[in-house]
N, C-alpha and C. Protein backbone atom coordinates (compact mmCIF):
# COMPACT_ATOMS: atom_id res chain seq x y z
N MET A 1 85.96 149.40 79.58
CA MET A 1 85.24 149.18 80.84
C MET A 1 85.85 148.02 81.64
N SER A 2 86.20 146.98 80.89
CA SER A 2 86.80 145.81 81.53
C SER A 2 88.13 146.18 82.19
N ARG A 3 88.92 147.03 81.49
CA ARG A 3 90.20 147.45 82.06
C ARG A 3 90.01 148.24 83.34
N LEU A 4 88.99 149.11 83.37
CA LEU A 4 88.72 149.89 84.57
C LEU A 4 88.35 148.98 85.74
N ARG A 5 87.52 147.97 85.46
CA ARG A 5 87.15 147.03 86.52
C ARG A 5 88.38 146.28 87.03
N ASP A 6 89.25 145.87 86.10
CA ASP A 6 90.46 145.14 86.50
C ASP A 6 91.37 146.02 87.35
N ARG A 7 91.50 147.30 86.94
CA ARG A 7 92.33 148.21 87.72
C ARG A 7 91.76 148.43 89.12
N ALA A 8 90.43 148.59 89.19
CA ALA A 8 89.80 148.79 90.49
C ALA A 8 89.98 147.56 91.38
N ALA A 9 89.81 146.38 90.77
CA ALA A 9 89.99 145.14 91.54
C ALA A 9 91.43 145.01 92.03
N GLY A 10 92.37 145.38 91.15
CA GLY A 10 93.78 145.32 91.54
C GLY A 10 94.10 146.28 92.67
N ALA A 11 93.51 147.48 92.60
CA ALA A 11 93.73 148.47 93.66
C ALA A 11 93.17 147.97 94.99
N ARG A 12 91.97 147.38 94.96
CA ARG A 12 91.37 146.85 96.19
C ARG A 12 92.23 145.74 96.78
N GLN A 13 92.78 144.89 95.90
CA GLN A 13 93.62 143.80 96.38
C GLN A 13 94.89 144.32 97.03
N ARG A 14 95.48 145.36 96.42
CA ARG A 14 96.69 145.94 97.00
C ARG A 14 96.42 146.55 98.37
N VAL A 15 95.28 147.24 98.50
CA VAL A 15 94.91 147.81 99.80
C VAL A 15 94.72 146.71 100.83
N ALA A 16 94.04 145.62 100.43
CA ALA A 16 93.81 144.50 101.35
C ALA A 16 95.13 143.85 101.75
N ASP A 17 96.04 143.69 100.77
CA ASP A 17 97.34 143.08 101.07
C ASP A 17 98.15 143.95 102.03
N GLU A 18 98.13 145.26 101.80
CA GLU A 18 98.87 146.17 102.68
C GLU A 18 98.30 146.14 104.10
N ARG A 19 96.98 146.10 104.21
CA ARG A 19 96.35 146.05 105.53
C ARG A 19 96.72 144.75 106.25
N ARG A 20 96.68 143.64 105.52
CA ARG A 20 97.04 142.35 106.12
C ARG A 20 98.49 142.36 106.58
N THR A 21 99.37 142.96 105.78
CA THR A 21 100.78 143.04 106.15
C THR A 21 100.97 143.86 107.42
N ARG A 22 100.25 144.99 107.53
CA ARG A 22 100.36 145.83 108.73
C ARG A 22 99.86 145.09 109.96
N LEU A 23 98.73 144.38 109.82
CA LEU A 23 98.18 143.63 110.95
C LEU A 23 99.13 142.53 111.39
N LEU A 24 99.72 141.83 110.41
CA LEU A 24 100.66 140.76 110.73
C LEU A 24 101.89 141.31 111.44
N ALA A 25 102.39 142.44 110.96
CA ALA A 25 103.56 143.06 111.58
C ALA A 25 103.26 143.47 113.02
N ALA A 26 102.07 144.03 113.25
CA ALA A 26 101.70 144.45 114.60
C ALA A 26 101.55 143.25 115.53
N ALA A 27 100.91 142.17 115.02
CA ALA A 27 100.74 140.97 115.83
C ALA A 27 102.08 140.33 116.15
N THR A 28 102.98 140.30 115.17
CA THR A 28 104.31 139.73 115.39
C THR A 28 105.08 140.53 116.44
N ALA A 29 104.98 141.85 116.35
CA ALA A 29 105.66 142.70 117.33
C ALA A 29 105.14 142.42 118.74
N ARG A 30 103.81 142.29 118.89
CA ARG A 30 103.24 142.00 120.21
C ARG A 30 103.71 140.64 120.72
N ASP A 31 103.74 139.64 119.84
CA ASP A 31 104.12 138.29 120.25
C ASP A 31 105.57 138.21 120.71
N HIS A 32 106.40 139.15 120.26
CA HIS A 32 107.83 139.08 120.56
C HIS A 32 108.25 140.03 121.67
N VAL A 33 107.28 140.59 122.38
CA VAL A 33 107.58 141.38 123.58
C VAL A 33 107.48 140.44 124.78
N PRO A 34 108.57 140.23 125.53
CA PRO A 34 108.51 139.30 126.66
C PRO A 34 107.48 139.74 127.70
N PRO A 35 106.83 138.78 128.36
CA PRO A 35 105.88 139.13 129.43
C PRO A 35 106.60 139.86 130.57
N ALA A 36 105.83 140.59 131.35
CA ALA A 36 106.38 141.27 132.52
C ALA A 36 106.89 140.24 133.53
N PRO A 37 107.94 140.57 134.28
CA PRO A 37 108.50 139.61 135.25
C PRO A 37 107.46 139.03 136.20
N GLY A 38 106.47 139.83 136.59
CA GLY A 38 105.48 139.35 137.55
C GLY A 38 104.59 138.25 137.03
N ARG A 39 104.58 138.02 135.72
CA ARG A 39 103.75 136.97 135.14
C ARG A 39 104.43 135.60 135.18
N PHE A 40 105.73 135.57 135.45
CA PHE A 40 106.46 134.31 135.49
C PHE A 40 106.23 133.60 136.83
N GLY A 41 106.43 132.27 136.81
CA GLY A 41 106.39 131.53 138.06
C GLY A 41 107.42 132.06 139.03
N ALA A 42 108.60 132.39 138.51
CA ALA A 42 109.65 133.06 139.28
C ALA A 42 110.53 133.81 138.29
N TYR A 43 111.03 134.95 138.72
CA TYR A 43 111.88 135.78 137.86
C TYR A 43 112.93 136.41 138.76
N GLY A 44 114.15 135.85 138.72
CA GLY A 44 115.17 136.21 139.69
C GLY A 44 115.74 137.61 139.52
N ARG A 45 116.54 137.99 140.49
CA ARG A 45 117.20 139.28 140.47
C ARG A 45 118.23 139.34 139.34
N ASN A 46 118.33 140.51 138.73
CA ASN A 46 119.32 140.75 137.66
C ASN A 46 119.18 139.76 136.50
N THR A 47 117.98 139.29 136.28
CA THR A 47 117.72 138.39 135.16
C THR A 47 117.24 139.20 133.96
N TRP A 48 117.74 138.81 132.77
CA TRP A 48 117.42 139.55 131.55
C TRP A 48 116.89 138.60 130.49
N LEU A 49 115.70 138.92 129.99
CA LEU A 49 115.12 138.22 128.85
C LEU A 49 115.05 139.27 127.74
N VAL A 50 116.00 139.20 126.82
CA VAL A 50 116.21 140.29 125.86
C VAL A 50 115.23 140.19 124.70
N PRO A 51 114.46 141.25 124.43
CA PRO A 51 113.56 141.23 123.28
C PRO A 51 114.34 141.43 121.97
N PRO A 52 113.77 141.00 120.85
CA PRO A 52 112.50 140.27 120.76
C PRO A 52 112.65 138.83 121.23
N ALA A 53 111.60 138.33 121.87
CA ALA A 53 111.59 136.95 122.35
C ALA A 53 110.15 136.47 122.41
N ARG A 54 109.95 135.17 122.23
CA ARG A 54 108.61 134.61 122.35
C ARG A 54 108.55 133.74 123.59
N VAL A 55 107.48 133.91 124.36
CA VAL A 55 107.29 133.16 125.60
C VAL A 55 105.83 132.72 125.68
N THR A 56 105.60 131.44 125.93
CA THR A 56 104.25 130.96 126.16
C THR A 56 104.16 130.38 127.57
N THR A 57 103.04 130.59 128.22
CA THR A 57 102.76 130.11 129.57
C THR A 57 103.85 130.53 130.56
N PRO A 58 104.09 131.82 130.72
CA PRO A 58 105.17 132.27 131.61
C PRO A 58 104.99 131.83 133.05
N GLU A 59 103.74 131.61 133.48
CA GLU A 59 103.52 131.19 134.86
C GLU A 59 104.11 129.81 135.16
N ALA A 60 104.47 129.05 134.12
CA ALA A 60 105.08 127.74 134.30
C ALA A 60 106.60 127.79 134.09
N ILE A 61 107.15 129.01 134.04
CA ILE A 61 108.59 129.19 133.80
C ILE A 61 109.20 129.82 135.05
N PHE A 62 110.29 129.22 135.53
CA PHE A 62 110.93 129.65 136.77
C PHE A 62 112.39 129.99 136.47
N LEU A 63 112.70 131.28 136.51
CA LEU A 63 114.04 131.76 136.18
C LEU A 63 114.77 132.16 137.45
N GLY A 64 116.01 131.69 137.59
CA GLY A 64 116.81 132.03 138.76
C GLY A 64 117.40 133.42 138.67
N ASP A 65 118.35 133.70 139.56
CA ASP A 65 119.03 134.99 139.58
C ASP A 65 120.11 135.05 138.49
N ASP A 66 120.31 136.26 137.95
CA ASP A 66 121.41 136.53 137.02
C ASP A 66 121.35 135.66 135.76
N VAL A 67 120.16 135.29 135.35
CA VAL A 67 119.97 134.54 134.10
C VAL A 67 119.94 135.53 132.94
N THR A 68 120.58 135.17 131.82
CA THR A 68 120.52 135.98 130.61
C THR A 68 120.03 135.11 129.45
N ILE A 69 118.96 135.55 128.80
CA ILE A 69 118.42 134.87 127.63
C ILE A 69 118.43 135.88 126.50
N LEU A 70 119.27 135.64 125.50
CA LEU A 70 119.48 136.64 124.46
C LEU A 70 118.37 136.62 123.42
N GLU A 71 118.40 137.59 122.52
CA GLU A 71 117.27 137.90 121.65
C GLU A 71 116.92 136.77 120.68
N ASN A 72 115.65 136.83 120.26
CA ASN A 72 115.07 135.89 119.30
C ASN A 72 115.02 134.45 119.82
N SER A 73 115.02 134.30 121.13
CA SER A 73 114.83 132.97 121.72
C SER A 73 113.34 132.69 121.89
N PHE A 74 113.00 131.41 122.01
CA PHE A 74 111.60 130.99 122.13
C PHE A 74 111.49 130.02 123.30
N LEU A 75 110.81 130.46 124.36
CA LEU A 75 110.52 129.59 125.49
C LEU A 75 109.08 129.10 125.31
N SER A 76 108.94 127.90 124.77
CA SER A 76 107.63 127.36 124.43
C SER A 76 107.24 126.33 125.48
N VAL A 77 106.38 126.74 126.39
CA VAL A 77 105.89 125.86 127.45
C VAL A 77 104.40 125.68 127.22
N VAL A 78 103.99 124.45 126.92
CA VAL A 78 102.62 124.22 126.46
C VAL A 78 102.03 123.00 127.17
N ALA A 79 100.82 123.15 127.67
CA ALA A 79 100.10 122.01 128.26
C ALA A 79 99.43 121.24 127.12
N ALA A 80 100.22 120.42 126.43
CA ALA A 80 99.75 119.74 125.23
C ALA A 80 99.35 118.29 125.47
N VAL A 81 99.68 117.75 126.66
CA VAL A 81 99.36 116.36 126.97
C VAL A 81 98.41 116.34 128.16
N PRO A 82 97.23 115.74 128.02
CA PRO A 82 96.25 115.73 129.11
C PRO A 82 96.85 115.16 130.40
N GLY A 83 96.58 115.85 131.51
CA GLY A 83 97.04 115.39 132.81
C GLY A 83 98.47 115.75 133.15
N VAL A 84 99.18 116.43 132.24
CA VAL A 84 100.57 116.80 132.48
C VAL A 84 100.67 118.32 132.59
N THR A 85 101.19 118.80 133.71
CA THR A 85 101.40 120.23 133.92
C THR A 85 102.86 120.56 133.63
N PRO A 86 103.14 121.38 132.62
CA PRO A 86 104.53 121.64 132.25
C PRO A 86 105.24 122.56 133.24
N ARG A 87 106.56 122.42 133.29
CA ARG A 87 107.38 123.27 134.16
C ARG A 87 108.78 123.38 133.55
N LEU A 88 109.22 124.61 133.35
CA LEU A 88 110.56 124.90 132.85
C LEU A 88 111.31 125.67 133.93
N THR A 89 112.46 125.14 134.34
CA THR A 89 113.29 125.79 135.36
C THR A 89 114.66 126.09 134.77
N ILE A 90 115.12 127.32 134.95
CA ILE A 90 116.45 127.73 134.48
C ILE A 90 117.20 128.30 135.67
N GLY A 91 118.34 127.70 136.00
CA GLY A 91 119.04 128.01 137.23
C GLY A 91 119.86 129.29 137.19
N ASP A 92 120.34 129.69 138.35
CA ASP A 92 121.10 130.92 138.52
C ASP A 92 122.30 130.99 137.56
N ARG A 93 122.50 132.18 137.02
CA ARG A 93 123.69 132.53 136.22
C ARG A 93 123.77 131.78 134.89
N THR A 94 122.73 131.11 134.51
CA THR A 94 122.73 130.43 133.21
C THR A 94 122.57 131.46 132.10
N ARG A 95 123.24 131.20 130.98
CA ARG A 95 123.21 132.12 129.84
C ARG A 95 122.79 131.34 128.59
N ILE A 96 121.79 131.88 127.88
CA ILE A 96 121.24 131.23 126.69
C ILE A 96 121.44 132.15 125.50
N GLY A 97 122.04 131.62 124.43
CA GLY A 97 122.37 132.41 123.26
C GLY A 97 121.18 132.71 122.36
N VAL A 98 121.43 133.52 121.35
CA VAL A 98 120.37 133.98 120.46
C VAL A 98 119.77 132.82 119.67
N GLN A 99 118.49 132.98 119.32
CA GLN A 99 117.75 132.06 118.46
C GLN A 99 117.69 130.64 119.02
N SER A 100 117.70 130.52 120.32
CA SER A 100 117.56 129.20 120.93
C SER A 100 116.09 128.91 121.18
N HIS A 101 115.75 127.62 121.22
CA HIS A 101 114.35 127.20 121.33
C HIS A 101 114.26 126.11 122.39
N ILE A 102 113.47 126.36 123.41
CA ILE A 102 113.20 125.36 124.45
C ILE A 102 111.73 124.99 124.37
N ALA A 103 111.45 123.72 124.08
CA ALA A 103 110.08 123.24 123.91
C ALA A 103 109.74 122.30 125.06
N CYS A 104 108.91 122.78 125.98
CA CYS A 104 108.62 122.04 127.21
C CYS A 104 107.13 121.72 127.28
N VAL A 105 106.83 120.42 127.31
CA VAL A 105 105.47 119.94 127.48
C VAL A 105 105.31 119.27 128.84
N GLY A 106 106.42 118.75 129.37
CA GLY A 106 106.42 118.12 130.68
C GLY A 106 107.32 118.87 131.65
N GLU A 107 108.59 118.45 131.73
CA GLU A 107 109.53 119.11 132.64
C GLU A 107 110.91 119.19 132.02
N ILE A 108 111.46 120.39 132.04
CA ILE A 108 112.85 120.63 131.64
C ILE A 108 113.51 121.40 132.77
N ASP A 109 114.62 120.88 133.25
CA ASP A 109 115.35 121.49 134.37
C ASP A 109 116.77 121.80 133.91
N ILE A 110 117.06 123.08 133.75
CA ILE A 110 118.40 123.53 133.36
C ILE A 110 119.06 124.09 134.61
N GLY A 111 120.17 123.50 134.99
CA GLY A 111 120.81 123.87 136.25
C GLY A 111 121.51 125.21 136.20
N PRO A 112 122.19 125.56 137.30
CA PRO A 112 122.91 126.83 137.35
C PRO A 112 124.21 126.78 136.56
N ASP A 113 124.69 127.96 136.16
CA ASP A 113 126.00 128.11 135.53
C ASP A 113 126.12 127.34 134.22
N VAL A 114 125.00 127.16 133.53
CA VAL A 114 125.01 126.48 132.23
C VAL A 114 125.20 127.53 131.14
N LEU A 115 126.02 127.20 130.15
CA LEU A 115 126.25 128.09 129.02
C LEU A 115 125.68 127.42 127.77
N ILE A 116 124.69 128.08 127.16
CA ILE A 116 124.01 127.55 125.98
C ILE A 116 124.29 128.50 124.83
N ALA A 117 124.85 127.97 123.76
CA ALA A 117 125.28 128.80 122.63
C ALA A 117 124.09 129.15 121.73
N THR A 118 124.40 129.65 120.55
CA THR A 118 123.40 130.11 119.59
C THR A 118 122.67 128.94 118.92
N ARG A 119 121.37 129.14 118.66
CA ARG A 119 120.54 128.22 117.87
C ARG A 119 120.52 126.81 118.45
N VAL A 120 120.37 126.72 119.75
CA VAL A 120 120.29 125.42 120.43
C VAL A 120 118.82 125.04 120.63
N TYR A 121 118.52 123.76 120.47
CA TYR A 121 117.16 123.25 120.70
C TYR A 121 117.19 122.27 121.87
N ILE A 122 116.24 122.44 122.79
CA ILE A 122 116.05 121.52 123.92
C ILE A 122 114.57 121.18 123.97
N GLY A 123 114.23 119.89 123.92
CA GLY A 123 112.82 119.51 123.93
C GLY A 123 112.58 118.21 124.67
N ASP A 124 111.42 118.12 125.33
CA ASP A 124 111.10 116.92 126.11
C ASP A 124 110.01 116.07 125.48
N THR A 125 109.69 116.34 124.21
CA THR A 125 108.67 115.56 123.50
C THR A 125 108.93 115.68 122.00
N TYR A 126 108.03 115.12 121.20
CA TYR A 126 108.11 115.26 119.75
C TYR A 126 106.71 115.05 119.18
N HIS A 127 106.52 115.48 117.95
CA HIS A 127 105.24 115.26 117.29
C HIS A 127 105.08 113.78 116.96
N GLY A 128 103.94 113.21 117.33
CA GLY A 128 103.67 111.82 117.00
C GLY A 128 103.60 111.60 115.49
N TYR A 129 103.95 110.40 115.07
CA TYR A 129 103.92 110.08 113.63
C TYR A 129 103.43 108.65 113.40
N GLN A 130 102.74 108.08 114.41
CA GLN A 130 102.37 106.68 114.36
C GLN A 130 101.40 106.35 113.22
N ASP A 131 100.53 107.29 112.86
CA ASP A 131 99.55 107.05 111.81
C ASP A 131 100.03 107.69 110.51
N PRO A 132 100.50 106.90 109.55
CA PRO A 132 101.05 107.48 108.32
C PRO A 132 100.00 108.08 107.40
N THR A 133 98.71 107.90 107.74
CA THR A 133 97.65 108.47 106.91
C THR A 133 97.22 109.85 107.40
N VAL A 134 97.76 110.29 108.54
CA VAL A 134 97.38 111.57 109.13
C VAL A 134 98.59 112.50 109.11
N PRO A 135 98.42 113.75 108.69
CA PRO A 135 99.56 114.68 108.74
C PRO A 135 100.16 114.74 110.14
N VAL A 136 101.47 114.80 110.22
CA VAL A 136 102.14 114.81 111.51
C VAL A 136 101.63 115.95 112.39
N MET A 137 101.36 117.11 111.78
CA MET A 137 100.91 118.26 112.58
C MET A 137 99.57 118.01 113.26
N ASP A 138 98.80 117.04 112.77
CA ASP A 138 97.49 116.74 113.34
C ASP A 138 97.53 115.58 114.33
N GLN A 139 98.70 115.02 114.56
CA GLN A 139 98.82 113.90 115.49
C GLN A 139 99.24 114.42 116.87
N PRO A 140 98.89 113.69 117.93
CA PRO A 140 99.19 114.17 119.28
C PRO A 140 100.68 114.14 119.58
N MET A 141 101.07 114.99 120.54
CA MET A 141 102.45 114.98 121.00
C MET A 141 102.73 113.70 121.78
N ALA A 142 103.95 113.22 121.68
CA ALA A 142 104.35 112.05 122.46
C ALA A 142 104.39 112.41 123.95
N PRO A 143 104.12 111.45 124.83
CA PRO A 143 104.24 111.74 126.27
C PRO A 143 105.64 112.26 126.59
N PRO A 144 105.75 113.38 127.29
CA PRO A 144 107.07 113.96 127.53
C PRO A 144 107.89 113.14 128.52
N VAL A 145 109.20 113.24 128.37
CA VAL A 145 110.14 112.62 129.31
C VAL A 145 111.12 113.71 129.74
N LYS A 146 111.32 113.84 131.04
CA LYS A 146 112.08 114.95 131.60
C LYS A 146 113.47 115.08 131.00
N VAL A 147 113.87 116.33 130.75
CA VAL A 147 115.23 116.67 130.34
C VAL A 147 115.89 117.40 131.50
N SER A 148 117.11 117.00 131.85
CA SER A 148 117.83 117.62 132.95
C SER A 148 119.25 117.95 132.50
N ILE A 149 119.64 119.20 132.70
CA ILE A 149 120.97 119.66 132.31
C ILE A 149 121.70 120.11 133.57
N GLY A 150 122.81 119.45 133.86
CA GLY A 150 123.50 119.66 135.12
C GLY A 150 124.29 120.96 135.20
N ARG A 151 124.65 121.30 136.41
CA ARG A 151 125.42 122.52 136.69
C ARG A 151 126.67 122.60 135.82
N GLY A 152 126.89 123.78 135.25
CA GLY A 152 128.14 124.04 134.55
C GLY A 152 128.28 123.40 133.19
N ALA A 153 127.22 122.80 132.66
CA ALA A 153 127.31 122.17 131.35
C ALA A 153 127.43 123.22 130.25
N PHE A 154 127.90 122.77 129.08
CA PHE A 154 128.02 123.64 127.91
C PHE A 154 127.34 122.97 126.74
N LEU A 155 126.50 123.74 126.01
CA LEU A 155 125.81 123.25 124.82
C LEU A 155 126.27 124.09 123.64
N GLY A 156 126.93 123.45 122.67
CA GLY A 156 127.54 124.16 121.56
C GLY A 156 126.55 124.62 120.51
N VAL A 157 127.03 125.45 119.60
CA VAL A 157 126.21 126.07 118.56
C VAL A 157 125.44 125.01 117.76
N GLY A 158 124.13 125.22 117.64
CA GLY A 158 123.31 124.38 116.77
C GLY A 158 123.07 122.97 117.25
N CYS A 159 123.35 122.68 118.51
CA CYS A 159 123.12 121.31 118.99
C CYS A 159 121.66 121.14 119.40
N ALA A 160 121.26 119.88 119.59
CA ALA A 160 119.90 119.56 120.03
C ALA A 160 119.99 118.55 121.17
N VAL A 161 119.23 118.81 122.22
CA VAL A 161 119.13 117.89 123.36
C VAL A 161 117.69 117.41 123.40
N LEU A 162 117.49 116.11 123.21
CA LEU A 162 116.16 115.57 123.00
C LEU A 162 115.59 114.93 124.26
N MET A 163 114.35 114.49 124.16
CA MET A 163 113.57 114.05 125.31
C MET A 163 114.27 112.94 126.09
N GLY A 164 114.13 113.02 127.43
CA GLY A 164 114.65 111.99 128.30
C GLY A 164 116.12 112.07 128.62
N VAL A 165 116.81 113.07 128.08
CA VAL A 165 118.27 113.16 128.25
C VAL A 165 118.62 113.84 129.58
N THR A 166 119.64 113.31 130.24
CA THR A 166 120.25 113.96 131.40
C THR A 166 121.71 114.24 131.08
N LEU A 167 122.11 115.50 131.21
CA LEU A 167 123.52 115.87 131.07
C LEU A 167 124.10 116.07 132.46
N GLY A 168 125.22 115.42 132.73
CA GLY A 168 125.86 115.56 134.03
C GLY A 168 126.56 116.90 134.18
N GLU A 169 127.06 117.15 135.39
CA GLU A 169 127.76 118.40 135.66
C GLU A 169 128.95 118.58 134.72
N ASN A 170 129.09 119.80 134.22
CA ASN A 170 130.21 120.17 133.35
C ASN A 170 130.32 119.29 132.10
N ALA A 171 129.21 118.67 131.70
CA ALA A 171 129.21 117.96 130.42
C ALA A 171 129.38 118.98 129.30
N TYR A 172 129.98 118.53 128.19
CA TYR A 172 130.29 119.43 127.08
C TYR A 172 129.71 118.83 125.81
N VAL A 173 128.77 119.55 125.18
CA VAL A 173 128.12 119.08 123.95
C VAL A 173 128.68 119.90 122.79
N GLY A 174 129.31 119.22 121.84
CA GLY A 174 129.94 119.90 120.71
C GLY A 174 128.92 120.51 119.76
N ALA A 175 129.39 121.42 118.93
CA ALA A 175 128.53 122.10 117.97
C ALA A 175 127.85 121.10 117.04
N GLY A 176 126.54 121.29 116.85
CA GLY A 176 125.79 120.46 115.91
C GLY A 176 125.45 119.07 116.40
N ALA A 177 125.83 118.72 117.61
CA ALA A 177 125.54 117.38 118.12
C ALA A 177 124.05 117.20 118.37
N VAL A 178 123.57 115.97 118.20
CA VAL A 178 122.18 115.62 118.51
C VAL A 178 122.23 114.61 119.64
N VAL A 179 121.84 115.05 120.84
CA VAL A 179 122.00 114.23 122.04
C VAL A 179 120.70 113.46 122.30
N THR A 180 120.79 112.15 122.20
CA THR A 180 119.62 111.29 122.39
C THR A 180 119.75 110.38 123.60
N ALA A 181 120.91 110.40 124.26
CA ALA A 181 121.15 109.54 125.42
C ALA A 181 121.89 110.35 126.49
N ASP A 182 121.85 109.86 127.72
CA ASP A 182 122.48 110.57 128.83
C ASP A 182 123.98 110.77 128.59
N VAL A 183 124.49 111.87 129.14
CA VAL A 183 125.91 112.18 129.05
C VAL A 183 126.45 112.29 130.48
N GLU A 184 127.49 111.55 130.76
CA GLU A 184 128.06 111.58 132.11
C GLU A 184 128.71 112.93 132.40
N ALA A 185 128.90 113.18 133.68
CA ALA A 185 129.56 114.42 134.10
C ALA A 185 130.96 114.50 133.49
N ARG A 186 131.36 115.74 133.15
CA ARG A 186 132.70 116.02 132.63
C ARG A 186 133.06 115.11 131.45
N THR A 187 132.09 114.96 130.54
CA THR A 187 132.28 114.17 129.33
C THR A 187 131.96 115.03 128.12
N LEU A 188 132.78 114.94 127.08
CA LEU A 188 132.58 115.68 125.84
C LEU A 188 131.96 114.76 124.81
N VAL A 189 130.83 115.20 124.20
CA VAL A 189 130.18 114.40 123.16
C VAL A 189 130.09 115.21 121.87
N VAL A 190 130.14 114.50 120.74
CA VAL A 190 130.05 115.14 119.43
C VAL A 190 129.24 114.23 118.51
N GLY A 191 128.73 114.82 117.41
CA GLY A 191 128.15 114.02 116.34
C GLY A 191 126.65 113.84 116.42
N ASN A 192 126.12 113.12 115.42
CA ASN A 192 124.70 112.82 115.30
C ASN A 192 124.54 111.34 114.93
N PRO A 193 124.07 110.52 115.89
CA PRO A 193 123.77 110.87 117.28
C PRO A 193 125.06 111.12 118.06
N ALA A 194 124.94 111.90 119.13
CA ALA A 194 126.13 112.27 119.91
C ALA A 194 126.78 111.03 120.51
N ARG A 195 128.10 111.03 120.48
CA ARG A 195 128.87 109.93 121.07
C ARG A 195 129.98 110.53 121.92
N PRO A 196 130.37 109.86 123.00
CA PRO A 196 131.42 110.40 123.87
C PRO A 196 132.78 110.37 123.18
N LEU A 197 133.49 111.47 123.28
CA LEU A 197 134.81 111.58 122.66
C LEU A 197 135.92 111.66 123.71
N LYS A 198 135.68 112.45 124.77
CA LYS A 198 136.68 112.61 125.83
C LYS A 198 135.99 112.65 127.18
N ARG A 199 136.75 112.32 128.22
CA ARG A 199 136.24 112.43 129.59
C ARG A 199 137.37 112.91 130.49
N TRP A 200 137.01 113.76 131.46
CA TRP A 200 138.01 114.27 132.38
C TRP A 200 138.44 113.16 133.34
N ASP A 201 139.75 112.98 133.44
CA ASP A 201 140.32 111.99 134.36
C ASP A 201 140.99 112.75 135.50
N PRO A 202 140.40 112.72 136.70
CA PRO A 202 140.98 113.51 137.80
C PRO A 202 142.36 113.02 138.22
N ASP A 203 142.63 111.73 138.04
CA ASP A 203 143.95 111.21 138.41
C ASP A 203 145.03 111.74 137.47
N ALA A 204 144.69 111.77 136.16
CA ALA A 204 145.65 112.28 135.18
C ALA A 204 145.64 113.80 135.10
N GLY A 205 144.55 114.40 135.60
CA GLY A 205 144.42 115.85 135.51
C GLY A 205 144.30 116.32 134.07
N ALA A 206 143.60 115.52 133.24
CA ALA A 206 143.50 115.85 131.81
C ALA A 206 142.25 115.22 131.22
N TRP A 207 141.85 115.76 130.04
CA TRP A 207 140.77 115.15 129.27
C TRP A 207 141.38 114.03 128.43
N LEU A 208 140.89 112.82 128.62
CA LEU A 208 141.43 111.66 127.92
C LEU A 208 140.43 111.13 126.90
N ALA A 209 140.96 110.69 125.76
CA ALA A 209 140.10 110.14 124.72
C ALA A 209 139.42 108.87 125.21
N ILE A 210 138.18 108.68 124.76
CA ILE A 210 137.41 107.49 125.12
C ILE A 210 137.51 106.51 123.97
N SER A 211 137.88 105.29 124.27
CA SER A 211 138.02 104.27 123.23
C SER A 211 136.67 103.98 122.60
N SER A 212 136.66 103.84 121.27
CA SER A 212 135.42 103.53 120.55
C SER A 212 135.19 102.03 120.44
N ALA A 213 136.08 101.25 120.98
CA ALA A 213 135.96 99.78 120.90
C ALA A 213 134.81 99.29 121.75
């Protein structure tokens, strides 16, 4: 009798597990269907947001013309700080690679003709950690500081651009770099934290190494 009860309980658990799996799969599929263009603050001509993709608060996202955002990207725009209205702007002809994550609580402005590689993170805030007795996930977000990426910049594979950073025109961020400070126009940065390695010299007509002294 005990074995029959155990078998019945096991069968019920399997049915419950299968149902939960189906519900989770359906919810995940819904979450990864991009919103209709009309729900965005702006959605330019010939712009493509390739599914699957996750988008929150599309009305605060402004996409220019001919923008391409490849699959499995996450545009996370969240009103997480009282009194702050978030806004994410992506300029004309900008291209964002697969599995990239943009976390906007305040303002992120990505200019036109920017090329963003695979698995890039851009964020204008971070989870607070001031109270060591409280789990980080339960602490408030830090006040956001605007991130601005200039026309024609390049962000390499796996790099991160953090809060308050401004990248100048045609700035070049190497793969895996963690950018915590502003980068001048036509300057190449690498490393963690990112440091300038080369800068374009118009007089020499070449990229010249920057002295570390």
